């Protein structure tokens, strides 16, 4: 039974399909919802740059000796989990505080795009050990993100609930602390779109 679950959850196709779905959702979010084209393009270029450098340095090339090991050791599991939790916490901190500024949103979109593109590439090109580590990393990242969302729900600081429910932002609203007029206009446009 454990072998069946492991074969299903860590199947190379499951990891690839999940990462592809995450990439498509991220693309929809950045291009259609928040219309952050520059950050998305930056992330794509950084991801493609990583892929080209990786291939240029001989990564992903078939070696002389085939890999016969298909299970992870405890260090690989702990390392994948730790970095997944660390990146997940970093993403949530970025979402919580980085969306107040236009440049912060662009950099976040670029970071999420390049991270997902690199994981997707590695899931397609690497062997079973790396695919298992990528699966654990992605799962830990998702767990950290959802844990943060459940534990510390975000409350809007921009307008009272009655204004958000009607889709109207107050006209005399001053920019948030440290924010600019551009940030206020962008927030008003988001409120109108939702």
N, C-alpha and C. Protein backbone atom coordinates (compact mmCIF):
# COMPACT_ATOMS: atom_id res chain seq x y z
N UNK A 1 0.82 -1.20 0.00
CA UNK A 1 0.00 0.00 0.00
C UNK A 1 0.86 1.26 0.00
N UNK A 2 1.90 1.24 0.84
CA UNK A 2 2.80 2.39 0.90
C UNK A 2 3.51 2.58 -0.43
N UNK A 3 3.86 1.48 -1.05
CA UNK A 3 4.54 1.55 -2.36
C UNK A 3 3.62 2.18 -3.41
N UNK A 4 2.34 1.85 -3.39
CA UNK A 4 1.39 2.42 -4.35
C UNK A 4 1.25 3.92 -4.13
N UNK A 5 1.11 4.32 -2.86
CA UNK A 5 0.98 5.76 -2.55
C UNK A 5 2.23 6.50 -2.98
N UNK A 6 3.41 5.92 -2.70
CA UNK A 6 4.65 6.58 -3.10
C UNK A 6 4.76 6.68 -4.61
N UNK A 7 4.37 5.63 -5.32
CA UNK A 7 4.43 5.66 -6.78
C UNK A 7 3.49 6.69 -7.37
N UNK A 8 2.33 6.89 -6.74
CA UNK A 8 1.37 7.87 -7.25
C UNK A 8 1.81 9.28 -6.90
N UNK A 9 2.11 9.53 -5.62
CA UNK A 9 2.45 10.89 -5.20
C UNK A 9 3.76 11.39 -5.77
N UNK A 10 4.74 10.52 -5.90
CA UNK A 10 6.04 10.94 -6.40
C UNK A 10 6.26 10.52 -7.84
N UNK A 11 5.19 10.22 -8.53
CA UNK A 11 5.31 9.94 -9.95
C UNK A 11 5.82 11.19 -10.64
N UNK A 12 6.71 11.01 -11.58
CA UNK A 12 7.26 12.18 -12.28
C UNK A 12 6.17 12.96 -12.97
N UNK A 13 5.13 12.28 -13.42
CA UNK A 13 4.04 12.98 -14.11
C UNK A 13 3.18 13.78 -13.16
N UNK A 14 2.98 13.29 -11.94
CA UNK A 14 2.20 14.05 -10.95
C UNK A 14 2.92 15.33 -10.61
N UNK A 15 4.23 15.24 -10.34
CA UNK A 15 5.01 16.43 -10.00
C UNK A 15 4.98 17.42 -11.17
N UNK A 16 5.15 16.93 -12.37
CA UNK A 16 5.15 17.81 -13.54
C UNK A 16 3.79 18.46 -13.77
N UNK A 17 2.72 17.70 -13.61
CA UNK A 17 1.37 18.26 -13.83
C UNK A 17 1.05 19.31 -12.77
N UNK A 18 1.38 19.02 -11.51
CA UNK A 18 1.09 19.99 -10.44
C UNK A 18 1.88 21.27 -10.67
N UNK A 19 3.16 21.16 -10.99
CA UNK A 19 3.97 22.36 -11.23
C UNK A 19 3.49 23.12 -12.46
N UNK A 20 3.02 22.42 -13.48
CA UNK A 20 2.47 23.09 -14.66
C UNK A 20 1.20 23.84 -14.30
N UNK A 21 0.33 23.24 -13.50
CA UNK A 21 -0.89 23.93 -13.07
C UNK A 21 -0.55 25.16 -12.25
N UNK A 22 0.42 25.04 -11.34
CA UNK A 22 0.83 26.20 -10.55
C UNK A 22 1.38 27.30 -11.46
N UNK A 23 2.14 26.92 -12.47
CA UNK A 23 2.69 27.90 -13.40
C UNK A 23 1.57 28.60 -14.17
N UNK A 24 0.56 27.85 -14.60
CA UNK A 24 -0.56 28.46 -15.33
C UNK A 24 -1.37 29.38 -14.43
N UNK A 25 -1.60 28.98 -13.19
CA UNK A 25 -2.33 29.84 -12.24
C UNK A 25 -1.52 31.10 -11.96
N UNK A 26 -0.21 30.96 -11.76
CA UNK A 26 0.65 32.12 -11.53
C UNK A 26 0.63 33.04 -12.74
N UNK A 27 0.67 32.49 -13.93
CA UNK A 27 0.63 33.30 -15.15
C UNK A 27 -0.70 34.04 -15.25
N UNK A 28 -1.79 33.37 -14.96
CA UNK A 28 -3.11 34.02 -15.01
C UNK A 28 -3.18 35.14 -13.98
N UNK A 29 -2.69 34.86 -12.76
CA UNK A 29 -2.72 35.87 -11.70
C UNK A 29 -1.92 37.10 -12.07
N UNK A 30 -0.71 36.89 -12.58
CA UNK A 30 0.15 38.04 -12.86
C UNK A 30 -0.23 38.78 -14.13
N UNK A 31 -0.71 38.07 -15.14
CA UNK A 31 -1.01 38.74 -16.41
C UNK A 31 -2.45 39.23 -16.51
N UNK A 32 -3.40 38.49 -15.94
CA UNK A 32 -4.80 38.88 -16.08
C UNK A 32 -5.35 39.61 -14.86
N UNK A 33 -5.00 39.15 -13.66
CA UNK A 33 -5.58 39.75 -12.46
C UNK A 33 -4.90 41.06 -12.07
N UNK A 34 -3.56 41.02 -11.92
CA UNK A 34 -2.88 42.25 -11.47
C UNK A 34 -2.16 42.96 -12.61
N UNK A 35 -2.16 42.37 -13.79
CA UNK A 35 -1.59 42.99 -15.00
C UNK A 35 -0.15 43.48 -14.77
N UNK A 36 0.66 42.59 -14.22
CA UNK A 36 2.06 42.91 -13.95
C UNK A 36 2.93 42.26 -15.01
N UNK A 37 3.01 42.92 -16.16
CA UNK A 37 3.71 42.36 -17.32
C UNK A 37 5.22 42.41 -17.15
N UNK A 38 5.74 43.51 -16.63
CA UNK A 38 7.20 43.66 -16.51
C UNK A 38 7.77 42.63 -15.54
N UNK A 39 7.13 42.45 -14.39
CA UNK A 39 7.62 41.47 -13.41
C UNK A 39 7.55 40.06 -13.95
N UNK A 40 6.47 39.74 -14.67
CA UNK A 40 6.33 38.41 -15.26
C UNK A 40 7.42 38.17 -16.32
N UNK A 41 7.65 39.16 -17.17
CA UNK A 41 8.69 39.02 -18.20
C UNK A 41 10.07 38.88 -17.56
N UNK A 42 10.31 39.64 -16.49
CA UNK A 42 11.60 39.53 -15.79
C UNK A 42 11.78 38.12 -15.23
N UNK A 43 10.72 37.57 -14.62
CA UNK A 43 10.80 36.22 -14.09
C UNK A 43 11.04 35.18 -15.18
N UNK A 44 10.35 35.33 -16.32
CA UNK A 44 10.58 34.40 -17.43
C UNK A 44 12.01 34.48 -17.93
N UNK A 45 12.52 35.69 -18.09
CA UNK A 45 13.91 35.83 -18.58
C UNK A 45 14.91 35.25 -17.59
N UNK A 46 14.69 35.47 -16.29
CA UNK A 46 15.59 34.91 -15.28
C UNK A 46 15.52 33.38 -15.30
N UNK A 47 14.32 32.84 -15.45
CA UNK A 47 14.17 31.38 -15.52
C UNK A 47 14.86 30.79 -16.73
N UNK A 48 14.67 31.42 -17.89
CA UNK A 48 15.32 30.95 -19.11
C UNK A 48 16.84 31.08 -18.99
N UNK A 49 17.30 32.15 -18.35
CA UNK A 49 18.73 32.33 -18.12
C UNK A 49 19.28 31.17 -17.27
N UNK A 50 18.58 30.82 -16.20
CA UNK A 50 19.01 29.71 -15.36
C UNK A 50 19.07 28.42 -16.17
N UNK A 51 18.03 28.17 -16.97
CA UNK A 51 17.98 26.95 -17.77
C UNK A 51 19.16 26.89 -18.73
N UNK A 52 19.44 28.00 -19.42
CA UNK A 52 20.56 28.01 -20.37
C UNK A 52 21.90 27.81 -19.68
N UNK A 53 22.09 28.45 -18.53
CA UNK A 53 23.35 28.27 -17.79
C UNK A 53 23.46 26.83 -17.30
N UNK A 54 22.38 26.29 -16.79
CA UNK A 54 22.38 24.91 -16.29
C UNK A 54 22.76 23.92 -17.39
N UNK A 55 22.15 24.08 -18.54
CA UNK A 55 22.45 23.19 -19.67
C UNK A 55 23.88 23.41 -20.16
N UNK A 56 24.32 24.67 -20.21
CA UNK A 56 25.67 24.98 -20.67
C UNK A 56 26.73 24.37 -19.77
N UNK A 57 26.43 24.26 -18.49
CA UNK A 57 27.39 23.67 -17.56
C UNK A 57 27.31 22.15 -17.50
N UNK A 58 26.48 21.56 -18.37
CA UNK A 58 26.40 20.10 -18.44
C UNK A 58 25.32 19.50 -17.57
N UNK A 59 24.45 20.30 -16.99
CA UNK A 59 23.38 19.78 -16.15
C UNK A 59 22.36 19.02 -16.98
N UNK A 60 21.84 17.96 -16.41
CA UNK A 60 20.82 17.17 -17.09
C UNK A 60 21.35 16.20 -18.11
N UNK A 61 22.66 16.20 -18.35
CA UNK A 61 23.24 15.27 -19.33
C UNK A 61 23.26 13.87 -18.71
N UNK A 62 23.03 12.88 -19.55
CA UNK A 62 23.05 11.51 -19.03
C UNK A 62 24.47 11.13 -18.67
N UNK A 63 24.61 10.53 -17.51
CA UNK A 63 25.94 10.14 -17.05
C UNK A 63 26.27 8.73 -17.51
N UNK A 64 27.50 8.35 -17.30
CA UNK A 64 27.97 7.03 -17.71
C UNK A 64 27.32 5.94 -16.87
N UNK A 65 27.17 6.22 -15.55
CA UNK A 65 26.58 5.23 -14.66
C UNK A 65 25.14 5.63 -14.36
N UNK A 66 24.21 4.73 -14.63
CA UNK A 66 22.81 5.07 -14.36
C UNK A 66 22.53 5.14 -12.86
N UNK A 67 21.60 5.98 -12.50
CA UNK A 67 21.22 6.11 -11.10
C UNK A 67 20.28 4.96 -10.75
N UNK A 68 20.68 4.17 -9.76
CA UNK A 68 19.85 3.04 -9.36
C UNK A 68 19.06 3.35 -8.10
N UNK A 69 19.47 4.35 -7.36
CA UNK A 69 18.78 4.71 -6.12
C UNK A 69 17.54 5.51 -6.44
N UNK A 70 16.41 5.14 -5.84
CA UNK A 70 15.16 5.86 -6.10
C UNK A 70 14.53 6.42 -4.83
N UNK A 71 15.13 6.19 -3.67
CA UNK A 71 14.59 6.73 -2.43
C UNK A 71 15.54 7.79 -1.88
N UNK A 72 14.97 8.69 -1.10
CA UNK A 72 15.76 9.78 -0.52
C UNK A 72 16.32 9.36 0.84
N UNK A 73 17.45 9.95 1.20
CA UNK A 73 17.94 9.74 2.56
C UNK A 73 17.38 10.86 3.44
N UNK A 74 17.59 10.76 4.74
CA UNK A 74 16.97 11.69 5.68
C UNK A 74 17.48 13.12 5.47
N UNK A 75 18.75 13.27 5.10
CA UNK A 75 19.29 14.61 4.86
C UNK A 75 18.59 15.29 3.68
N UNK A 76 18.34 14.56 2.62
CA UNK A 76 17.66 15.13 1.44
C UNK A 76 16.22 15.53 1.77
N UNK A 77 15.55 14.72 2.58
CA UNK A 77 14.17 15.05 2.98
C UNK A 77 14.16 16.30 3.85
N UNK A 78 15.05 16.35 4.84
CA UNK A 78 15.10 17.52 5.74
C UNK A 78 15.49 18.77 4.96
N UNK A 79 16.46 18.65 4.06
CA UNK A 79 16.89 19.80 3.26
C UNK A 79 15.76 20.33 2.37
N UNK A 80 15.06 19.43 1.69
CA UNK A 80 13.94 19.84 0.83
C UNK A 80 12.83 20.49 1.65
N UNK A 81 12.50 19.89 2.79
CA UNK A 81 11.44 20.43 3.65
C UNK A 81 11.83 21.78 4.20
N UNK A 82 13.07 21.92 4.68
CA UNK A 82 13.51 23.18 5.26
C UNK A 82 13.46 24.31 4.24
N UNK A 83 13.99 24.07 3.06
CA UNK A 83 13.98 25.14 2.06
C UNK A 83 12.57 25.43 1.56
N UNK A 84 11.71 24.42 1.49
CA UNK A 84 10.31 24.66 1.12
C UNK A 84 9.61 25.53 2.14
N UNK A 85 9.80 25.22 3.43
CA UNK A 85 9.19 26.04 4.48
C UNK A 85 9.77 27.45 4.49
N UNK A 86 11.07 27.55 4.27
CA UNK A 86 11.72 28.86 4.25
C UNK A 86 11.20 29.72 3.09
N UNK A 87 11.13 29.15 1.89
CA UNK A 87 10.62 29.90 0.74
C UNK A 87 9.13 30.22 0.92
N UNK A 88 8.36 29.29 1.49
CA UNK A 88 6.95 29.54 1.73
C UNK A 88 6.73 30.70 2.69
N UNK A 89 7.51 30.73 3.76
CA UNK A 89 7.41 31.85 4.71
C UNK A 89 7.84 33.15 4.05
N UNK A 90 8.89 33.09 3.24
CA UNK A 90 9.34 34.29 2.53
C UNK A 90 8.30 34.81 1.55
N UNK A 91 7.63 33.91 0.87
CA UNK A 91 6.57 34.31 -0.06
C UNK A 91 5.43 34.98 0.68
N UNK A 92 5.05 34.42 1.82
CA UNK A 92 3.94 35.01 2.56
C UNK A 92 4.31 36.36 3.16
N UNK A 93 5.53 36.51 3.62
CA UNK A 93 5.98 37.82 4.11
C UNK A 93 5.98 38.81 2.96
N UNK A 94 6.44 38.37 1.79
CA UNK A 94 6.42 39.24 0.62
C UNK A 94 5.02 39.64 0.21
N UNK A 95 4.09 38.68 0.25
CA UNK A 95 2.71 39.01 -0.09
C UNK A 95 2.09 39.96 0.92
N UNK A 96 2.46 39.79 2.18
CA UNK A 96 1.87 40.61 3.23
C UNK A 96 2.37 42.06 3.16
N UNK A 97 3.68 42.23 2.94
CA UNK A 97 4.24 43.57 3.01
C UNK A 97 4.68 44.14 1.66
N UNK A 98 4.93 43.28 0.68
CA UNK A 98 5.47 43.75 -0.59
C UNK A 98 4.45 44.30 -1.56
N UNK A 99 3.17 44.00 -1.34
CA UNK A 99 2.16 44.46 -2.29
C UNK A 99 1.74 45.90 -2.06
N UNK A 100 2.31 46.56 -1.09
CA UNK A 100 1.97 47.95 -0.83
C UNK A 100 2.64 48.89 -1.82
N UNK A 101 3.65 48.42 -2.51
CA UNK A 101 4.41 49.27 -3.43
C UNK A 101 4.42 48.61 -4.81
N UNK A 102 4.35 49.43 -5.84
CA UNK A 102 4.28 48.91 -7.21
C UNK A 102 5.52 48.09 -7.55
N UNK A 103 6.68 48.54 -7.16
CA UNK A 103 7.91 47.79 -7.47
C UNK A 103 7.96 46.48 -6.71
N UNK A 104 7.41 46.46 -5.50
CA UNK A 104 7.37 45.22 -4.71
C UNK A 104 6.55 44.15 -5.40
N UNK A 105 5.42 44.55 -5.98
CA UNK A 105 4.57 43.59 -6.69
C UNK A 105 5.31 43.04 -7.91
N UNK A 106 5.96 43.90 -8.67
CA UNK A 106 6.70 43.46 -9.86
C UNK A 106 7.81 42.48 -9.48
N UNK A 107 8.54 42.77 -8.41
CA UNK A 107 9.62 41.88 -7.99
C UNK A 107 9.07 40.55 -7.46
N UNK A 108 7.92 40.60 -6.78
CA UNK A 108 7.31 39.36 -6.32
C UNK A 108 6.89 38.48 -7.49
N UNK A 109 6.25 39.07 -8.47
CA UNK A 109 5.83 38.30 -9.64
C UNK A 109 7.04 37.69 -10.32
N UNK A 110 8.12 38.46 -10.45
CA UNK A 110 9.34 37.93 -11.06
C UNK A 110 9.91 36.77 -10.25
N UNK A 111 9.94 36.90 -8.92
CA UNK A 111 10.47 35.84 -8.07
C UNK A 111 9.63 34.58 -8.17
N UNK A 112 8.31 34.71 -8.10
CA UNK A 112 7.44 33.54 -8.17
C UNK A 112 7.54 32.86 -9.54
N UNK A 113 7.63 33.67 -10.58
CA UNK A 113 7.72 33.11 -11.93
C UNK A 113 9.01 32.34 -12.13
N UNK A 114 10.13 32.93 -11.72
CA UNK A 114 11.41 32.25 -11.92
C UNK A 114 11.49 31.00 -11.05
N UNK A 115 10.99 31.05 -9.82
CA UNK A 115 11.04 29.88 -8.95
C UNK A 115 10.22 28.74 -9.55
N UNK A 116 9.02 29.05 -10.02
CA UNK A 116 8.19 28.00 -10.59
C UNK A 116 8.75 27.47 -11.90
N UNK A 117 9.29 28.34 -12.74
CA UNK A 117 9.87 27.91 -14.01
C UNK A 117 11.07 27.01 -13.79
N UNK A 118 11.92 27.34 -12.83
CA UNK A 118 13.10 26.52 -12.53
C UNK A 118 12.66 25.16 -11.97
N UNK A 119 11.69 25.15 -11.06
CA UNK A 119 11.20 23.88 -10.51
C UNK A 119 10.59 23.01 -11.61
N UNK A 120 9.82 23.63 -12.48
CA UNK A 120 9.20 22.89 -13.58
C UNK A 120 10.25 22.31 -14.51
N UNK A 121 11.26 23.10 -14.83
CA UNK A 121 12.34 22.62 -15.69
C UNK A 121 13.08 21.45 -15.05
N UNK A 122 13.43 21.60 -13.76
CA UNK A 122 14.16 20.53 -13.08
C UNK A 122 13.32 19.27 -12.94
N UNK A 123 12.00 19.43 -12.78
CA UNK A 123 11.13 18.25 -12.69
C UNK A 123 11.11 17.48 -13.99
N UNK A 124 11.28 18.17 -15.12
CA UNK A 124 11.28 17.48 -16.42
C UNK A 124 12.63 16.89 -16.76
N UNK A 125 13.72 17.51 -16.29
CA UNK A 125 15.02 17.10 -16.79
C UNK A 125 15.79 16.18 -15.82
N UNK A 126 15.50 16.26 -14.54
CA UNK A 126 16.27 15.50 -13.56
C UNK A 126 15.68 14.11 -13.33
N UNK A 127 16.45 13.32 -12.61
CA UNK A 127 16.05 11.95 -12.32
C UNK A 127 15.09 11.85 -11.14
N UNK A 128 14.82 10.61 -10.71
CA UNK A 128 13.81 10.41 -9.67
C UNK A 128 14.17 11.02 -8.32
N UNK A 129 15.43 11.05 -7.95
CA UNK A 129 15.81 11.62 -6.66
C UNK A 129 15.50 13.11 -6.64
N UNK A 130 15.91 13.84 -7.66
CA UNK A 130 15.64 15.28 -7.72
C UNK A 130 14.14 15.54 -7.83
N UNK A 131 13.41 14.70 -8.55
CA UNK A 131 11.96 14.89 -8.65
C UNK A 131 11.28 14.70 -7.30
N UNK A 132 11.74 13.74 -6.51
CA UNK A 132 11.19 13.56 -5.17
C UNK A 132 11.49 14.79 -4.31
N UNK A 133 12.71 15.29 -4.40
CA UNK A 133 13.08 16.47 -3.61
C UNK A 133 12.27 17.69 -4.04
N UNK A 134 12.04 17.85 -5.34
CA UNK A 134 11.23 18.96 -5.84
C UNK A 134 9.80 18.83 -5.35
N UNK A 135 9.26 17.62 -5.35
CA UNK A 135 7.91 17.40 -4.84
C UNK A 135 7.79 17.75 -3.37
N UNK A 136 8.76 17.33 -2.56
CA UNK A 136 8.74 17.65 -1.13
C UNK A 136 8.90 19.15 -0.92
N UNK A 137 9.81 19.77 -1.68
CA UNK A 137 10.02 21.22 -1.58
C UNK A 137 8.73 21.97 -1.90
N UNK A 138 8.08 21.61 -3.01
CA UNK A 138 6.86 22.31 -3.42
C UNK A 138 5.74 22.10 -2.40
N UNK A 139 5.64 20.90 -1.86
CA UNK A 139 4.61 20.62 -0.86
C UNK A 139 4.87 21.41 0.42
N UNK A 140 6.11 21.45 0.87
CA UNK A 140 6.45 22.22 2.08
C UNK A 140 6.21 23.71 1.85
N UNK A 141 6.51 24.20 0.65
CA UNK A 141 6.24 25.59 0.32
C UNK A 141 4.74 25.89 0.41
N UNK A 142 3.93 25.01 -0.15
CA UNK A 142 2.49 25.19 -0.07
C UNK A 142 1.97 25.11 1.35
N UNK A 143 2.51 24.19 2.15
CA UNK A 143 2.09 24.06 3.54
C UNK A 143 2.42 25.33 4.33
N UNK A 144 3.63 25.85 4.14
CA UNK A 144 4.01 27.08 4.85
C UNK A 144 3.12 28.24 4.44
N UNK A 145 2.81 28.33 3.16
CA UNK A 145 1.96 29.42 2.68
C UNK A 145 0.56 29.31 3.27
N UNK A 146 -0.04 28.13 3.20
CA UNK A 146 -1.39 27.95 3.73
C UNK A 146 -1.44 28.09 5.25
N UNK A 147 -0.40 27.62 5.91
CA UNK A 147 -0.33 27.76 7.37
C UNK A 147 -0.33 29.24 7.75
N UNK A 148 0.43 30.03 7.03
CA UNK A 148 0.48 31.46 7.31
C UNK A 148 -0.85 32.12 7.02
N UNK A 149 -1.51 31.73 5.93
CA UNK A 149 -2.81 32.31 5.59
C UNK A 149 -3.84 31.96 6.66
N UNK A 150 -3.83 30.72 7.15
CA UNK A 150 -4.81 30.31 8.15
C UNK A 150 -4.50 30.95 9.50
N UNK A 151 -3.24 30.99 9.88
CA UNK A 151 -2.87 31.50 11.19
C UNK A 151 -2.94 33.01 11.28
N UNK A 152 -2.54 33.71 10.21
CA UNK A 152 -2.52 35.18 10.21
C UNK A 152 -3.34 35.69 9.03
N UNK A 153 -4.67 35.69 9.12
CA UNK A 153 -5.47 36.17 7.99
C UNK A 153 -5.20 37.65 7.74
N UNK A 154 -5.21 38.00 6.49
CA UNK A 154 -4.93 39.38 6.09
C UNK A 154 -6.22 40.17 6.08
N UNK A 155 -6.18 41.35 6.66
CA UNK A 155 -7.33 42.25 6.65
C UNK A 155 -6.94 43.47 5.84
N UNK A 156 -7.86 43.94 5.01
CA UNK A 156 -7.58 45.11 4.18
C UNK A 156 -7.38 46.35 5.02
N UNK A 157 -6.37 47.13 4.71
CA UNK A 157 -6.07 48.36 5.43
C UNK A 157 -6.38 49.58 4.59
N UNK A 158 -6.94 49.39 3.39
CA UNK A 158 -7.07 50.51 2.47
C UNK A 158 -8.38 51.26 2.60
N UNK A 159 -9.49 50.58 2.72
CA UNK A 159 -10.78 51.27 2.77
C UNK A 159 -11.70 50.51 3.70
N UNK A 160 -12.69 51.19 4.28
CA UNK A 160 -13.64 50.49 5.12
C UNK A 160 -14.39 49.43 4.33
N UNK A 161 -14.94 48.44 5.04
CA UNK A 161 -15.62 47.32 4.40
C UNK A 161 -16.77 47.78 3.51
N UNK A 162 -17.50 48.81 3.93
CA UNK A 162 -18.65 49.25 3.14
C UNK A 162 -18.21 49.77 1.77
N UNK A 163 -17.07 50.42 1.71
CA UNK A 163 -16.58 50.91 0.41
C UNK A 163 -16.15 49.75 -0.48
N UNK A 164 -15.46 48.76 0.11
CA UNK A 164 -15.01 47.63 -0.69
C UNK A 164 -16.19 46.81 -1.19
N UNK A 165 -17.23 46.68 -0.39
CA UNK A 165 -18.39 45.90 -0.81
C UNK A 165 -19.10 46.56 -1.98
N UNK A 166 -19.09 47.90 -2.04
CA UNK A 166 -19.75 48.60 -3.12
C UNK A 166 -18.84 48.80 -4.32
N UNK A 167 -17.55 48.50 -4.16
CA UNK A 167 -16.61 48.68 -5.26
C UNK A 167 -16.24 50.14 -5.46
N UNK A 168 -16.46 50.98 -4.43
CA UNK A 168 -16.15 52.40 -4.54
C UNK A 168 -15.09 52.72 -3.51
N UNK A 169 -14.06 53.38 -3.93
CA UNK A 169 -13.01 53.78 -3.00
C UNK A 169 -13.24 55.23 -2.61
N UNK A 170 -12.91 55.60 -1.39
CA UNK A 170 -13.08 56.98 -0.98
C UNK A 170 -12.19 57.91 -1.79
N UNK A 171 -12.70 59.06 -2.14
CA UNK A 171 -11.97 59.99 -3.00
C UNK A 171 -10.89 60.75 -2.25
N UNK A 172 -11.08 61.02 -0.99
CA UNK A 172 -10.13 61.84 -0.23
C UNK A 172 -9.14 60.98 0.54
N UNK A 173 -8.99 59.77 0.16
CA UNK A 173 -8.11 58.87 0.88
C UNK A 173 -6.66 59.23 0.62
N UNK A 174 -5.89 59.34 1.69
CA UNK A 174 -4.47 59.65 1.56
C UNK A 174 -3.71 58.36 1.29
N UNK A 175 -2.58 58.43 0.62
CA UNK A 175 -1.80 57.22 0.38
C UNK A 175 -1.38 56.58 1.70
N UNK A 176 -1.25 55.26 1.68
CA UNK A 176 -0.81 54.54 2.88
C UNK A 176 0.58 55.00 3.28
N UNK A 177 0.91 54.74 4.52
CA UNK A 177 2.22 55.16 5.02
C UNK A 177 3.31 54.58 4.14
N UNK A 178 4.13 55.41 3.59
CA UNK A 178 5.20 54.98 2.71
C UNK A 178 4.75 54.72 1.29
N UNK A 179 3.46 54.80 1.02
CA UNK A 179 2.94 54.56 -0.31
C UNK A 179 2.95 55.82 -1.16
N UNK A 180 2.71 55.67 -2.42
CA UNK A 180 2.70 56.81 -3.32
C UNK A 180 1.32 56.96 -3.93
N UNK A 181 1.14 58.00 -4.68
CA UNK A 181 -0.13 58.23 -5.37
C UNK A 181 -0.38 57.09 -6.38
N UNK A 182 0.68 56.61 -7.01
CA UNK A 182 0.56 55.49 -7.95
C UNK A 182 0.03 54.24 -7.25
N UNK A 183 0.51 53.96 -6.03
CA UNK A 183 0.02 52.81 -5.28
C UNK A 183 -1.46 52.95 -4.97
N UNK A 184 -1.90 54.16 -4.64
CA UNK A 184 -3.31 54.38 -4.33
C UNK A 184 -4.17 54.18 -5.59
N UNK A 185 -3.72 54.65 -6.72
CA UNK A 185 -4.47 54.48 -7.98
C UNK A 185 -4.55 53.00 -8.34
N UNK A 186 -3.44 52.28 -8.18
CA UNK A 186 -3.43 50.85 -8.48
C UNK A 186 -4.40 50.10 -7.57
N UNK A 187 -4.43 50.46 -6.28
CA UNK A 187 -5.35 49.82 -5.34
C UNK A 187 -6.79 50.12 -5.70
N UNK A 188 -7.10 51.34 -6.11
CA UNK A 188 -8.45 51.69 -6.52
C UNK A 188 -8.87 50.89 -7.74
N UNK A 189 -7.94 50.68 -8.68
CA UNK A 189 -8.25 49.89 -9.88
C UNK A 189 -8.50 48.44 -9.50
N UNK A 190 -7.73 47.88 -8.55
CA UNK A 190 -7.95 46.51 -8.11
C UNK A 190 -9.32 46.37 -7.47
N UNK A 191 -9.69 47.35 -6.65
CA UNK A 191 -11.00 47.30 -5.98
C UNK A 191 -12.13 47.36 -7.01
N UNK A 192 -11.93 48.12 -8.05
CA UNK A 192 -12.97 48.26 -9.09
C UNK A 192 -13.08 46.97 -9.90
N UNK A 193 -11.95 46.28 -10.15
CA UNK A 193 -11.97 45.05 -10.94
C UNK A 193 -12.58 43.89 -10.20
N UNK A 194 -12.45 43.88 -8.87
CA UNK A 194 -12.96 42.72 -8.12
C UNK A 194 -14.40 42.86 -7.71
